[in-house]
Amino acid sequence: MSSKLSDISHDQFAVRRQKLADLRDKGVDPFRTDFQPTHFSSEAVAAFVEGAEPEEQPTVSVAGRLIVIRKMGKAQFVKIQDQAGIIQLYVRLDGIGADEYADFKKLDLGDIIGVEGQLFQTKTGEISIRASKYALVSKSLRPLPEKFHGLTDAEQKYRQRHLDLIMNKESRERFFNRSRIVSGIRRYLEDRSFLEVETPVFQNIAGGAAAKPFVTHHNTLDRDFFMRISLELYLKRLLVGGFDRVFEIGRNFRNEGISRRHNPEFTMLEVYQAYSDYRGMMELIQGLIRHLVTDVLGGKEIKMPDGEVIDFMGEWREAKYKDLVCEKVGDPDWFSKSKEEKLAKAKELGLDCQEDWEDYEVSNEVFGKLIEPKLIQPTFVTHLPKELCPLAKITKDDDSTIDVFELCIGGMEIAPAYSEQNDPDVQREMFEKQAGEETQDVDEDFLETLEYGMPPAGGLGMGIDRIVILLTEAENIRDVILYPQLRS
């Protein structure tokens, strides 16, 4: 902020402080005023009766933040904003009284007021409220950002989300839609007999995914715990316990990088269904996302930045991971090549692969950098290398792959799903291979649980933040998390 703008802001702050002091000198405390609105703004507008006589229109009371003030001598047109939108108020000296009107004229943009009055329609057709009484219920001591430029600095939007929500309609609507999406997910799953559960955030072993955890210390127990990196292992314990259909929408924490699509604290949906498999999860996730697009968002057309429209209602493509990689590198025998040959080809394709990478990691770099970003239309990528997930069943006719899919839409992974591994001996072997010399990282408690018998099951995970990015056409994960982590 320039020094000139800072001086103006400071001056306005001082003026508003004085107005608050004047009110208190008169025995008025705007922070202790009781006011109960009867309607949100949109409800008040909907209550207007077309064709009724003016005196027959209903009386309503609304409350919100002053965002427009137009003074006209003995009358003012103002607009307030609440959760549901904006409504216009018509305030006249002879409508609320001389003393009240004198105080009303001293209000500032950003003040929060409550107004009661009768609905009417202006000459321009706008449904408004003719005020008969008002109350100042909170004084805004700091001026809002300048109207015509709003809050455009991205860093300020993330650090001062309250101002972003006040000033930017697009941001408000995006977060309203996030709430609608989460509610829609719950309804869809509950209608199909899934139980919503809650599992521990503090865990003895950071299991269920390959990620660096956050560590915290519990003083009474005098021991460290990991903040969970995945919901998976506790939910699968519930399958053993007889909960055949479960889901959780919860926070995960990964002590890793921050990017356009990654935040250290993020929200995941995980779903597990006994007597199903990864193909059953295909049907579930396809139905769920179509439900969100059509029923929750009203059939909103979802576009990519280049204008390409995503077709959720058409046929969703299915392709094997190996086929996509072989096609991209132009070599049908790619997976029988040596690691050295793969590294050389990857370098030729412009990829920065490390010499000490495992063989499968080179192939996965090809997929992650050159294939996934081009998968715009809904695509189920199936049968991934078994090294990528130790918790899925190995494919019967190809022991180098697992029965999984990654659903890619809009150039990013939206939801992986597995035919869950329920053989405790195979699970132990996979865990030990993943842990290497760090055998203390093997979750013995989970393996013991599996030995009691877990039914065959399908499971899937979906990043809530990512599906909101996709369905609200956001550019950055920070645009869909109310308070993202930021550097100091």
Protein backbone atom coordinates (compact mmCIF):
# COMPACT_ATOMS: atom_id res chain seq x y z
CA MET A 1 0.00 0.00 0.00
CA SER A 2 1.44 3.41 -0.92
CA SER A 3 2.07 5.95 1.85
CA LYS A 4 -0.69 8.17 0.44
CA LEU A 5 -3.24 5.33 0.54
CA SER A 6 -1.99 4.37 3.99
CA ASP A 7 -2.51 7.94 5.22
CA ILE A 8 -6.05 7.96 3.80
CA SER A 9 -6.80 4.63 5.47
CA HIS A 10 -5.39 5.91 8.77
CA ASP A 11 -7.45 9.09 8.54
CA GLN A 12 -10.63 7.12 7.86
CA PHE A 13 -9.85 4.83 10.78
CA ALA A 14 -9.53 7.86 13.06
CA VAL A 15 -12.82 9.33 11.79
CA ARG A 16 -14.66 6.05 12.36
CA ARG A 17 -13.17 5.73 15.83
CA GLN A 18 -14.54 9.19 16.64
CA LYS A 19 -17.98 8.22 15.36
CA LEU A 20 -17.93 5.23 17.68
CA ALA A 21 -16.92 7.45 20.61
CA ASP A 22 -19.75 9.89 19.79
CA LEU A 23 -22.27 7.04 19.79
CA ARG A 24 -21.04 5.81 23.16
CA ASP A 25 -21.23 9.32 24.56
CA LYS A 26 -24.93 9.23 23.62
CA GLY A 27 -25.35 5.92 25.44
CA VAL A 28 -25.44 3.84 22.24
CA ASP A 29 -23.20 0.76 21.95
CA PRO A 30 -23.45 -0.73 18.43
CA PHE A 31 -21.79 -3.92 19.62
CA ARG A 32 -24.56 -4.64 22.12
CA THR A 33 -27.58 -4.05 19.89
CA ASP A 34 -30.08 -6.90 19.56
CA PHE A 35 -31.60 -7.41 16.12
CA GLN A 36 -33.18 -10.56 14.71
CA PRO A 37 -33.70 -10.64 10.92
CA THR A 38 -36.70 -12.57 9.64
CA HIS A 39 -35.33 -13.10 6.13
CA PHE A 40 -32.14 -13.42 4.16
CA SER A 41 -31.97 -10.93 1.29
CA SER A 42 -32.99 -13.47 -1.36
CA GLU A 43 -35.91 -14.65 0.81
CA ALA A 44 -37.10 -11.08 1.24
CA VAL A 45 -37.05 -10.47 -2.52
CA ALA A 46 -38.93 -13.76 -3.06
CA ALA A 47 -41.58 -12.65 -0.55
CA PHE A 48 -42.66 -9.74 -2.79
CA VAL A 49 -46.20 -10.34 -4.06
CA GLU A 50 -46.59 -9.49 -7.75
CA GLY A 51 -49.76 -7.51 -8.46
CA ALA A 52 -50.57 -6.79 -4.81
CA GLU A 53 -51.36 -3.26 -3.63
CA PRO A 54 -48.40 -1.47 -1.99
CA GLU A 55 -50.03 -1.55 1.45
CA GLU A 56 -50.58 -5.32 1.09
CA GLN A 57 -46.90 -6.12 0.59
CA PRO A 58 -45.27 -8.01 3.50
CA THR A 59 -43.08 -6.39 6.13
CA VAL A 60 -39.67 -8.01 6.53
CA SER A 61 -36.50 -7.44 8.48
CA VAL A 62 -33.03 -8.10 7.08
CA ALA A 63 -29.47 -7.54 8.26
CA GLY A 64 -26.16 -7.20 6.47
CA ARG A 65 -23.12 -5.12 5.62
CA LEU A 66 -23.51 -1.72 3.95
CA ILE A 67 -21.83 -1.89 0.55
CA VAL A 68 -23.54 0.98 -1.36
CA ILE A 69 -24.71 4.36 -0.08
CA ARG A 70 -26.44 6.90 -2.35
CA LYS A 71 -27.42 10.08 -0.52
CA MET A 72 -30.25 12.24 -1.83
CA GLY A 73 -30.94 14.87 0.84
CA LYS A 74 -33.89 13.66 2.87
CA ALA A 75 -33.67 10.11 1.48
CA GLN A 76 -31.03 7.50 0.76
CA PHE A 77 -30.88 4.37 -1.32
CA VAL A 78 -28.43 1.91 0.25
CA LYS A 79 -27.61 -1.72 -0.35
CA ILE A 80 -26.64 -4.35 2.17
CA GLN A 81 -25.02 -7.73 1.59
CA ASP A 82 -25.71 -10.89 3.56
CA GLN A 83 -24.94 -14.57 3.04
CA ALA A 84 -27.66 -14.91 0.42
CA GLY A 85 -26.94 -11.83 -1.68
CA ILE A 86 -27.69 -8.10 -1.89
CA ILE A 87 -30.88 -6.14 -1.26
CA GLN A 88 -31.70 -2.44 -1.66
CA LEU A 89 -33.12 -0.32 1.16
CA TYR A 90 -34.93 2.99 0.82
CA VAL A 91 -34.45 5.15 3.91
CA ARG A 92 -36.33 8.46 4.31
CA LEU A 93 -36.31 11.09 7.02
CA ASP A 94 -40.09 10.89 7.38
CA GLY A 95 -39.91 7.08 7.41
CA ILE A 96 -37.65 6.57 10.42
CA GLY A 97 -37.73 9.98 12.14
CA ALA A 98 -35.44 12.99 12.18
CA ASP A 99 -33.08 11.88 14.95
CA GLU A 100 -32.69 8.37 13.57
CA TYR A 101 -32.15 9.72 10.07
CA ALA A 102 -29.45 12.09 11.31
CA ASP A 103 -27.61 9.11 12.79
CA PHE A 104 -28.23 7.01 9.68
CA LYS A 105 -26.47 9.62 7.52
CA LYS A 106 -23.32 9.11 9.61
CA LEU A 107 -23.05 5.42 8.74
CA ASP A 108 -20.03 4.19 6.78
CA LEU A 109 -19.52 1.56 4.12
CA GLY A 110 -18.80 -1.69 5.91
CA ASP A 111 -21.11 -1.02 8.87
CA ILE A 112 -23.49 -3.87 9.65
CA ILE A 113 -27.11 -2.82 10.08
CA GLY A 114 -30.53 -4.35 10.55
CA VAL A 115 -33.57 -2.85 8.84
CA GLU A 116 -37.30 -3.49 9.09
CA GLY A 117 -39.79 -2.30 6.50
CA GLN A 118 -42.32 -3.04 3.80
CA LEU A 119 -41.36 -4.43 0.44
CA PHE A 120 -41.92 -2.37 -2.71
CA GLN A 121 -40.75 -2.22 -6.30
CA THR A 122 -38.84 0.78 -7.65
CA LYS A 123 -39.52 2.38 -11.02
CA THR A 124 -36.59 0.40 -12.43
CA GLY A 125 -38.18 -2.85 -11.19
CA GLU A 126 -35.85 -3.55 -8.27
CA ILE A 127 -37.47 -5.18 -5.22
CA SER A 128 -36.50 -3.06 -2.22
CA ILE A 129 -37.41 -2.39 1.41
CA ARG A 130 -38.93 0.90 2.56
CA ALA A 131 -37.33 1.24 5.99
CA SER A 132 -39.51 1.97 9.02
CA LYS A 133 -36.76 1.31 11.58
CA TYR A 134 -33.08 0.44 11.58
CA ALA A 135 -30.34 -0.57 14.01
CA LEU A 136 -26.55 -0.33 13.80
CA VAL A 137 -25.43 -3.74 15.05
CA SER A 138 -21.68 -3.54 14.38
CA LYS A 139 -19.45 -0.57 13.54
CA SER A 140 -16.78 -1.11 10.90
CA LEU A 141 -13.71 0.75 12.12
CA ARG A 142 -11.55 -0.03 9.12
CA PRO A 143 -12.51 1.05 5.58
CA LEU A 144 -13.17 -1.63 3.00
CA PRO A 145 -10.96 -1.89 -0.11
CA GLU A 146 -11.87 0.65 -2.79
CA LYS A 147 -15.01 -0.47 -4.61
CA PHE A 148 -13.94 -0.42 -8.24
CA HIS A 149 -10.67 -2.27 -7.76
CA GLY A 150 -11.87 -4.58 -5.03
CA LEU A 151 -9.40 -7.03 -3.55
CA THR A 152 -7.32 -8.19 -6.50
CA ASP A 153 -3.92 -9.01 -4.96
CA ALA A 154 -3.81 -12.82 -4.65
CA GLU A 155 -1.60 -12.84 -1.57
CA GLN A 156 -3.89 -10.38 0.23
CA LYS A 157 -6.94 -12.45 -0.75
CA TYR A 158 -5.50 -15.52 0.96
CA ARG A 159 -4.22 -13.69 4.04
CA GLN A 160 -7.36 -11.59 4.52
CA ARG A 161 -10.06 -14.00 3.39
CA HIS A 162 -12.71 -11.97 5.24
CA LEU A 163 -12.09 -9.03 2.90
CA ASP A 164 -11.99 -11.33 -0.13
CA LEU A 165 -15.42 -12.71 0.80
CA ILE A 166 -16.85 -9.23 1.37
CA MET A 167 -15.54 -7.77 -1.88
CA ASN A 168 -15.45 -10.62 -4.39
CA LYS A 169 -18.68 -12.28 -5.44
CA GLU A 170 -16.78 -15.00 -7.30
CA SER A 171 -14.97 -16.06 -4.11
CA ARG A 172 -18.18 -16.14 -2.08
CA GLU A 173 -19.93 -18.26 -4.68
CA ARG A 174 -16.97 -20.65 -4.91
CA PHE A 175 -17.03 -21.33 -1.17
CA PHE A 176 -20.82 -21.62 -1.14
CA ASN A 177 -20.40 -24.25 -3.86
CA ARG A 178 -17.73 -26.04 -1.84
CA SER A 179 -20.22 -26.42 1.01
CA ARG A 180 -22.90 -27.60 -1.41
CA ILE A 181 -20.50 -30.14 -2.92
CA VAL A 182 -19.58 -31.60 0.48
CA SER A 183 -23.26 -31.78 1.48
CA GLY A 184 -24.08 -33.40 -1.86
CA ILE A 185 -21.40 -36.06 -1.32
CA ARG A 186 -22.84 -36.90 2.09
CA ARG A 187 -26.40 -37.16 0.78
CA TYR A 188 -25.36 -39.34 -2.16
CA LEU A 189 -23.49 -41.82 0.04
CA GLU A 190 -26.04 -41.87 2.85
CA ASP A 191 -28.78 -42.61 0.31
CA ARG A 192 -26.77 -45.74 -0.58
CA SER A 193 -26.51 -47.00 3.02
CA PHE A 194 -22.98 -45.74 3.71
CA LEU A 195 -22.25 -44.77 7.32
CA GLU A 196 -20.23 -41.64 8.03
CA VAL A 197 -17.58 -42.25 10.69
CA GLU A 198 -14.66 -40.47 12.33
CA THR A 199 -11.23 -42.00 12.83
CA PRO A 200 -8.16 -40.76 14.78
CA VAL A 201 -6.09 -37.82 13.61
CA PHE A 202 -3.22 -38.76 15.97
CA GLN A 203 -1.78 -42.14 14.97
CA ASN A 204 1.00 -44.42 16.20
CA ILE A 205 2.23 -45.12 12.67
CA ALA A 206 1.83 -42.83 9.66
CA GLY A 207 0.25 -45.42 7.39
CA GLY A 208 -2.03 -45.72 4.38
CA ALA A 209 0.12 -43.61 2.05
CA ALA A 210 3.73 -42.75 1.25
CA ALA A 211 4.19 -39.22 2.60
CA LYS A 212 6.22 -37.35 5.22
CA PRO A 213 4.09 -36.82 8.34
CA PHE A 214 3.88 -34.06 10.90
CA VAL A 215 4.94 -35.17 14.38
CA THR A 216 3.38 -33.94 17.61
CA HIS A 217 3.93 -34.80 21.28
CA HIS A 218 1.36 -35.81 23.88
CA ASN A 219 2.52 -34.64 27.31
CA THR A 220 0.46 -36.95 29.52
CA LEU A 221 1.41 -40.09 27.61
CA ASP A 222 4.93 -38.65 27.06
CA ARG A 223 5.13 -39.94 23.53
CA ASP A 224 5.11 -38.71 19.96
CA PHE A 225 2.22 -39.21 17.57
CA PHE A 226 1.93 -38.71 13.83
CA MET A 227 -0.83 -36.54 12.39
CA ARG A 228 -2.51 -38.81 9.89
CA ILE A 229 -1.47 -38.79 6.25
CA SER A 230 -4.38 -41.01 5.25
CA LEU A 231 -7.78 -42.20 6.51
CA GLU A 232 -7.43 -45.67 5.07
CA LEU A 233 -6.23 -48.14 7.68
CA TYR A 234 -8.73 -47.29 10.41
CA LEU A 235 -11.62 -47.36 7.96
CA LYS A 236 -10.57 -50.84 6.83
CA ARG A 237 -10.51 -51.95 10.47
CA LEU A 238 -14.21 -51.05 10.50
CA LEU A 239 -14.80 -53.42 7.57
CA VAL A 240 -13.34 -56.16 9.77
CA GLY A 241 -15.70 -55.01 12.53
CA GLY A 242 -18.76 -55.53 10.35
CA PHE A 243 -19.40 -52.02 8.99
CA ASP A 244 -19.91 -52.98 5.35
CA ARG A 245 -20.23 -49.46 3.90
CA VAL A 246 -18.34 -46.60 5.51
CA PHE A 247 -16.99 -43.21 4.54
CA GLU A 248 -15.16 -40.34 6.15
CA ILE A 249 -14.64 -36.75 5.09
CA GLY A 250 -11.66 -35.59 7.10
CA ARG A 251 -8.41 -33.68 7.27
CA ASN A 252 -5.08 -35.20 6.30
CA PHE A 253 -1.68 -33.63 7.00
CA ARG A 254 1.46 -34.08 4.91
CA ASN A 255 4.71 -32.33 5.73
CA GLU A 256 5.59 -31.74 2.12
CA GLY A 257 5.65 -29.05 -0.55
CA ILE A 258 3.13 -26.34 -1.34
CA SER A 259 2.00 -25.84 -4.94
CA ARG A 260 -1.02 -24.95 -7.07
CA ARG A 261 -2.50 -28.35 -6.24
CA HIS A 262 -0.93 -29.20 -2.87
CA ASN A 263 -1.50 -27.83 0.63
CA PRO A 264 -0.01 -29.40 3.79
CA GLU A 265 -3.49 -29.61 5.33
CA PHE A 266 -6.17 -30.91 3.00
CA THR A 267 -9.57 -32.64 3.03
CA MET A 268 -10.13 -36.17 1.79
CA LEU A 269 -13.14 -38.36 1.17
CA GLU A 270 -12.47 -42.07 1.60
CA VAL A 271 -15.15 -44.70 0.93
CA TYR A 272 -15.06 -48.45 1.53
CA GLN A 273 -17.66 -50.99 0.41
CA ALA A 274 -17.54 -54.66 1.35
CA TYR A 275 -18.22 -57.26 -1.36
CA SER A 276 -17.21 -54.81 -4.07
CA ASP A 277 -14.00 -54.10 -5.99
CA TYR A 278 -12.36 -51.40 -8.06
CA ARG A 279 -14.98 -51.78 -10.77
CA GLY A 280 -17.73 -51.23 -8.25
CA MET A 281 -15.89 -48.07 -7.26
CA MET A 282 -15.93 -46.97 -10.91
CA GLU A 283 -19.72 -47.03 -10.88
CA LEU A 284 -19.84 -45.25 -7.52
CA ILE A 285 -17.51 -42.36 -8.39
CA GLN A 286 -19.04 -41.85 -11.83
CA GLY A 287 -22.51 -41.61 -10.31
CA LEU A 288 -21.28 -39.35 -7.51
CA ILE A 289 -19.55 -36.82 -9.76
CA ARG A 290 -22.45 -36.74 -12.21
CA HIS A 291 -24.76 -36.11 -9.22
CA LEU A 292 -22.59 -33.17 -8.12
CA VAL A 293 -22.58 -31.64 -11.60
CA THR A 294 -26.27 -32.07 -12.36
CA ASP A 295 -28.11 -32.00 -9.03
CA VAL A 296 -25.83 -29.92 -6.79
CA LEU A 297 -24.48 -27.40 -9.32
CA GLY A 298 -27.57 -27.41 -11.55
CA GLY A 299 -25.92 -28.74 -14.69
CA LYS A 300 -23.27 -26.03 -14.73
CA GLU A 301 -20.95 -26.32 -17.75
CA ILE A 302 -17.38 -26.97 -16.60
CA LYS A 303 -14.68 -25.53 -18.83
CA MET A 304 -10.91 -25.67 -18.91
CA PRO A 305 -8.92 -22.41 -19.21
CA ASP A 306 -8.57 -23.01 -22.97
CA GLY A 307 -12.36 -23.27 -23.32
CA GLU A 308 -12.62 -27.06 -23.66
CA VAL A 309 -15.85 -28.29 -22.07
CA ILE A 310 -15.66 -31.42 -19.90
CA ASP A 311 -18.31 -33.96 -20.86
CA PHE A 312 -19.44 -35.66 -17.65
CA MET A 313 -22.55 -37.21 -19.18
CA GLY A 314 -20.87 -39.02 -22.07
CA GLU A 315 -18.87 -42.24 -21.96
CA TRP A 316 -15.90 -42.18 -19.58
CA ARG A 317 -12.74 -43.55 -21.16
CA GLU A 318 -10.90 -46.52 -19.66
CA ALA A 319 -7.22 -47.13 -20.47
CA LYS A 320 -4.47 -49.28 -18.98
CA TYR A 321 -1.50 -47.48 -17.44
CA LYS A 322 1.04 -49.52 -19.38
CA ASP A 323 -0.71 -48.89 -22.70
CA LEU A 324 -0.71 -45.13 -22.13
CA VAL A 325 3.00 -45.08 -21.22
CA CYS A 326 4.01 -47.28 -24.17
CA GLU A 327 2.01 -45.09 -26.53
CA LYS A 328 3.61 -41.92 -25.16
CA VAL A 329 7.20 -43.13 -25.45
CA GLY A 330 6.50 -44.78 -28.81
CA ASP A 331 7.75 -48.18 -27.69
CA PRO A 332 5.42 -51.18 -27.16
CA ASP A 333 8.25 -53.01 -25.32
CA TRP A 334 8.94 -50.16 -22.85
CA PHE A 335 8.24 -52.24 -19.74
CA SER A 336 10.73 -54.93 -20.73
CA LYS A 337 13.54 -52.39 -21.25
CA SER A 338 16.35 -51.91 -18.73
CA LYS A 339 16.26 -48.98 -16.34
CA GLU A 340 19.20 -47.43 -18.16
CA GLU A 341 17.33 -47.54 -21.46
CA LYS A 342 14.28 -45.97 -19.83
CA LEU A 343 16.38 -43.20 -18.25
CA ALA A 344 17.91 -42.38 -21.63
CA LYS A 345 14.49 -42.18 -23.29
CA ALA A 346 13.08 -40.12 -20.45
CA LYS A 347 15.93 -37.63 -20.81
CA GLU A 348 15.26 -37.50 -24.56
CA LEU A 349 11.63 -36.59 -23.72
CA GLY A 350 12.82 -33.72 -21.54
CA LEU A 351 12.26 -35.36 -18.16
CA ASP A 352 14.61 -34.85 -15.22
CA CYS A 353 14.90 -38.36 -13.79
CA GLN A 354 17.48 -39.26 -11.14
CA GLU A 355 19.97 -42.10 -11.70
CA ASP A 356 19.13 -43.67 -8.32
CA TRP A 357 15.39 -43.90 -9.02
CA GLU A 358 13.70 -47.27 -9.06
CA ASP A 359 12.66 -48.65 -12.44
CA TYR A 360 8.94 -48.03 -11.84
CA GLU A 361 9.62 -44.43 -10.78
CA VAL A 362 10.96 -43.60 -14.25
CA SER A 363 7.77 -44.90 -15.89
CA ASN A 364 5.66 -43.02 -13.38
CA GLU A 365 7.49 -39.79 -14.19
CA VAL A 366 6.52 -40.27 -17.82
CA PHE A 367 2.91 -40.77 -16.77
CA GLY A 368 2.82 -37.92 -14.26
CA LYS A 369 4.52 -35.28 -16.42
CA LEU A 370 3.56 -36.17 -19.98
CA ILE A 371 0.28 -38.11 -19.82
CA GLU A 372 -1.85 -37.12 -16.81
CA PRO A 373 -1.87 -33.36 -17.61
CA LYS A 374 -3.37 -34.19 -21.05
CA LEU A 375 -6.24 -36.32 -19.68
CA ILE A 376 -8.95 -33.65 -19.75
CA GLN A 377 -12.06 -35.75 -20.33
CA PRO A 378 -12.96 -38.29 -17.59
CA THR A 379 -10.51 -41.21 -17.87
CA PHE A 380 -10.08 -44.29 -15.69
CA VAL A 381 -6.38 -45.23 -15.82
CA THR A 382 -6.25 -48.86 -14.66
CA HIS A 383 -3.74 -51.52 -13.58
CA LEU A 384 -0.92 -49.42 -12.17
CA PRO A 385 2.47 -50.90 -11.17
CA LYS A 386 2.18 -52.81 -7.88
CA GLU A 387 5.02 -50.75 -6.34
CA LEU A 388 2.79 -47.68 -6.33
CA CYS A 389 0.37 -49.06 -3.76
CA PRO A 390 0.94 -51.90 -1.27
CA LEU A 391 -2.72 -51.93 -0.17
CA ALA A 392 -4.39 -53.18 -3.36
CA LYS A 393 -4.89 -56.67 -4.78
CA ILE A 394 -2.41 -57.87 -7.39
CA THR A 395 -3.92 -58.45 -10.84
CA LYS A 396 -4.56 -62.15 -11.46
CA ASP A 397 -3.16 -62.25 -15.00
CA ASP A 398 -0.30 -59.77 -14.48
CA ASP A 399 1.54 -59.93 -11.16
CA SER A 400 3.38 -56.68 -11.94
CA THR A 401 0.18 -54.61 -11.64
CA ILE A 402 -2.63 -54.09 -9.16
CA ASP A 403 -6.40 -53.89 -9.54
CA VAL A 404 -6.77 -50.15 -9.22
CA PHE A 405 -7.75 -47.10 -11.18
CA GLU A 406 -6.85 -43.45 -11.05
CA LEU A 407 -9.66 -41.23 -12.27
CA CYS A 408 -8.16 -38.28 -14.15
CA ILE A 409 -10.24 -35.27 -15.17
CA GLY A 410 -9.10 -31.82 -16.17
CA GLY A 411 -5.46 -32.88 -16.33
CA MET A 412 -5.23 -34.05 -12.71
CA GLU A 413 -5.88 -37.12 -10.60
CA ILE A 414 -9.27 -36.77 -8.92
CA ALA A 415 -9.79 -40.17 -7.29
CA PRO A 416 -7.78 -43.39 -7.00
CA ALA A 417 -9.62 -46.61 -6.12
CA TYR A 418 -8.59 -50.19 -5.33
CA SER A 419 -9.74 -53.73 -5.02
CA GLU A 420 -8.54 -53.78 -1.41
CA GLN A 421 -5.96 -56.30 -0.30
CA ASN A 422 -7.52 -58.52 2.38
CA ASP A 423 -4.96 -61.38 2.49
CA PRO A 424 -2.92 -60.70 5.67
CA ASP A 425 0.11 -62.66 4.43
CA VAL A 426 0.30 -60.83 1.10
CA GLN A 427 -0.33 -57.55 2.91
CA ARG A 428 2.58 -58.22 5.26
CA GLU A 429 4.87 -59.01 2.34
CA MET A 430 3.88 -55.77 0.58
CA PHE A 431 4.33 -53.70 3.76
CA GLU A 432 7.76 -55.16 4.47
CA LYS A 433 8.89 -54.58 0.88
CA GLN A 434 7.76 -50.95 1.11
CA ALA A 435 9.38 -50.39 4.53
CA GLY A 436 12.75 -51.89 3.52
CA GLU A 437 15.09 -51.67 6.49
CA GLU A 438 12.59 -49.49 8.42
CA THR A 439 10.67 -52.54 9.72
CA GLN A 440 9.39 -50.51 12.67
CA ASP A 441 7.15 -48.70 10.17
CA VAL A 442 5.13 -51.87 9.52
CA ASP A 443 1.71 -51.51 11.14
CA GLU A 444 1.54 -54.76 13.09
CA ASP A 445 -1.77 -53.80 14.69
CA PHE A 446 -3.41 -53.44 11.27
CA LEU A 447 -1.94 -56.77 10.09
CA GLU A 448 -3.30 -58.48 13.21
CA THR A 449 -6.71 -56.94 12.50
CA LEU A 450 -6.67 -58.40 8.98
CA GLU A 451 -6.01 -61.85 10.45
CA TYR A 452 -9.52 -61.80 11.92
CA GLY A 453 -10.84 -61.64 8.34
CA MET A 454 -11.73 -58.63 6.20
CA PRO A 455 -14.37 -59.11 3.51
CA PRO A 456 -13.40 -58.40 -0.10
CA ALA A 457 -13.94 -54.71 -0.68
CA GLY A 458 -13.56 -51.78 -2.99
CA GLY A 459 -12.21 -48.51 -1.68
CA LEU A 460 -11.68 -45.06 -3.12
CA GLY A 461 -10.32 -41.72 -2.09
CA MET A 462 -11.15 -38.32 -3.52
CA GLY A 463 -9.50 -35.04 -2.67
CA ILE A 464 -12.28 -32.63 -1.75
CA ASP A 465 -10.08 -29.67 -2.61
CA ARG A 466 -9.31 -31.10 -6.05
CA ILE A 467 -12.91 -31.86 -6.98
CA VAL A 468 -13.83 -28.32 -5.90
CA ILE A 469 -10.99 -26.92 -8.05
CA LEU A 470 -12.40 -28.85 -10.99
CA LEU A 471 -16.11 -28.10 -10.50
CA THR A 472 -15.66 -24.40 -9.67
CA GLU A 473 -13.03 -23.80 -12.38
CA ALA A 474 -10.51 -22.52 -9.84
CA GLU A 475 -6.88 -21.97 -10.79
CA ASN A 476 -5.21 -22.75 -7.47
CA ILE A 477 -5.88 -24.93 -4.44
CA ARG A 478 -5.62 -21.77 -2.32
CA ASP A 479 -8.73 -20.49 -4.08
CA VAL A 480 -10.82 -23.33 -2.62
CA ILE A 481 -9.36 -23.51 0.92
CA LEU A 482 -10.64 -20.73 3.14
CA TYR A 483 -7.39 -20.37 5.07
CA PRO A 484 -4.48 -22.02 3.19
CA GLN A 485 -0.98 -22.30 4.66
CA LEU A 486 1.25 -19.41 3.57
CA ARG A 487 4.82 -18.34 4.12
CA SER A 488 5.37 -15.78 6.86
